[in-house]
Protein backbone atom coordinates (compact mmCIF):
# COMPACT_ATOMS: atom_id res chain seq x y z
CA MET A 1 -15.48 40.05 -75.96
CA SER A 2 -13.97 38.13 -73.07
CA LYS A 3 -15.72 37.26 -69.85
CA LEU A 4 -15.14 39.45 -66.83
CA PRO A 5 -12.90 37.86 -64.19
CA LEU A 6 -14.33 36.73 -60.88
CA LEU A 7 -13.01 38.84 -58.01
CA THR A 8 -13.76 39.00 -54.32
CA GLY A 9 -14.93 42.27 -52.82
CA LYS A 10 -11.53 42.88 -51.21
CA GLU A 11 -9.71 42.31 -54.52
CA LEU A 12 -12.04 44.74 -56.29
CA ILE A 13 -11.56 47.38 -53.59
CA SER A 14 -7.77 47.03 -53.90
CA PHE A 15 -8.07 47.50 -57.67
CA LEU A 16 -10.28 50.58 -57.24
CA LYS A 17 -7.78 52.09 -54.81
CA THR A 18 -5.07 51.83 -57.49
CA LEU A 19 -7.35 53.94 -59.70
CA GLY A 20 -7.57 56.66 -57.04
CA PHE A 21 -10.78 55.67 -55.26
CA ILE A 22 -10.90 56.01 -51.49
CA GLU A 23 -13.11 54.32 -48.92
CA LYS A 24 -15.61 56.88 -47.65
CA ARG A 25 -17.61 54.72 -45.28
CA GLN A 26 -18.92 51.25 -44.63
CA LYS A 27 -22.37 50.10 -43.64
CA GLY A 28 -22.46 46.45 -42.75
CA SER A 29 -20.76 44.53 -45.52
CA HIS A 30 -21.05 47.33 -48.10
CA VAL A 31 -18.08 49.62 -48.68
CA PHE A 32 -18.75 53.02 -50.26
CA LEU A 33 -15.90 54.32 -52.43
CA SER A 34 -15.51 57.64 -54.20
CA HIS A 35 -13.06 59.40 -56.48
CA LYS A 36 -12.08 63.05 -56.31
CA ASP A 37 -13.65 63.62 -59.76
CA GLY A 38 -17.10 62.66 -58.42
CA ARG A 39 -17.41 59.01 -59.45
CA SER A 40 -18.59 56.65 -56.73
CA THR A 41 -19.70 53.07 -56.23
CA VAL A 42 -20.56 50.49 -53.59
CA VAL A 43 -18.78 47.13 -53.24
CA PRO A 44 -20.16 44.30 -51.10
CA VAL A 45 -17.53 42.40 -49.09
CA HIS A 46 -18.69 38.90 -48.16
CA SER A 47 -15.92 36.54 -47.10
CA GLY A 48 -15.42 33.62 -49.45
CA GLU A 49 -17.77 34.98 -52.12
CA THR A 50 -16.95 36.51 -55.48
CA ILE A 51 -18.65 39.48 -57.07
CA GLY A 52 -21.09 38.30 -59.74
CA ARG A 53 -20.41 39.35 -63.31
CA GLY A 54 -23.65 41.34 -63.47
CA LEU A 55 -22.78 43.34 -60.35
CA LEU A 56 -19.21 43.82 -61.57
CA SER A 57 -20.59 45.18 -64.84
CA LYS A 58 -22.77 47.66 -62.87
CA ILE A 59 -19.77 48.76 -60.79
CA LEU A 60 -17.77 49.34 -63.99
CA THR A 61 -20.62 51.50 -65.30
CA ASP A 62 -20.59 53.47 -62.01
CA ILE A 63 -16.85 54.16 -62.29
CA GLU A 64 -17.10 54.86 -66.04
CA ILE A 65 -14.67 52.17 -67.22
CA THR A 66 -15.44 49.83 -70.11
CA LYS A 67 -15.12 46.08 -69.75
CA GLU A 68 -12.22 46.10 -72.21
CA GLU A 69 -10.34 48.77 -70.22
CA PHE A 70 -10.97 46.82 -67.02
CA SER A 71 -9.63 43.60 -68.54
CA LYS A 72 -6.43 45.38 -69.59
CA LEU A 73 -5.96 47.12 -66.23
CA ILE A 74 -6.64 44.09 -64.04
CA LYS A 75 -3.84 41.98 -65.60
């Protein structure tokens, strides 16, 4: 299995929007996104920082996408 790529919060939000997620609200640096089928997640946006692989793995679990599917879709 390959390592997950390092993405910034803004890059991850852009990716999630291509999957049909929309920004519901923001509290501080945390953006809440949801999908019309009920899936939702929170993405922190800190300028100049990448999302850690552990947090990215948790977000993928929230949106019900496997790491392999994510790797194929992100390319």
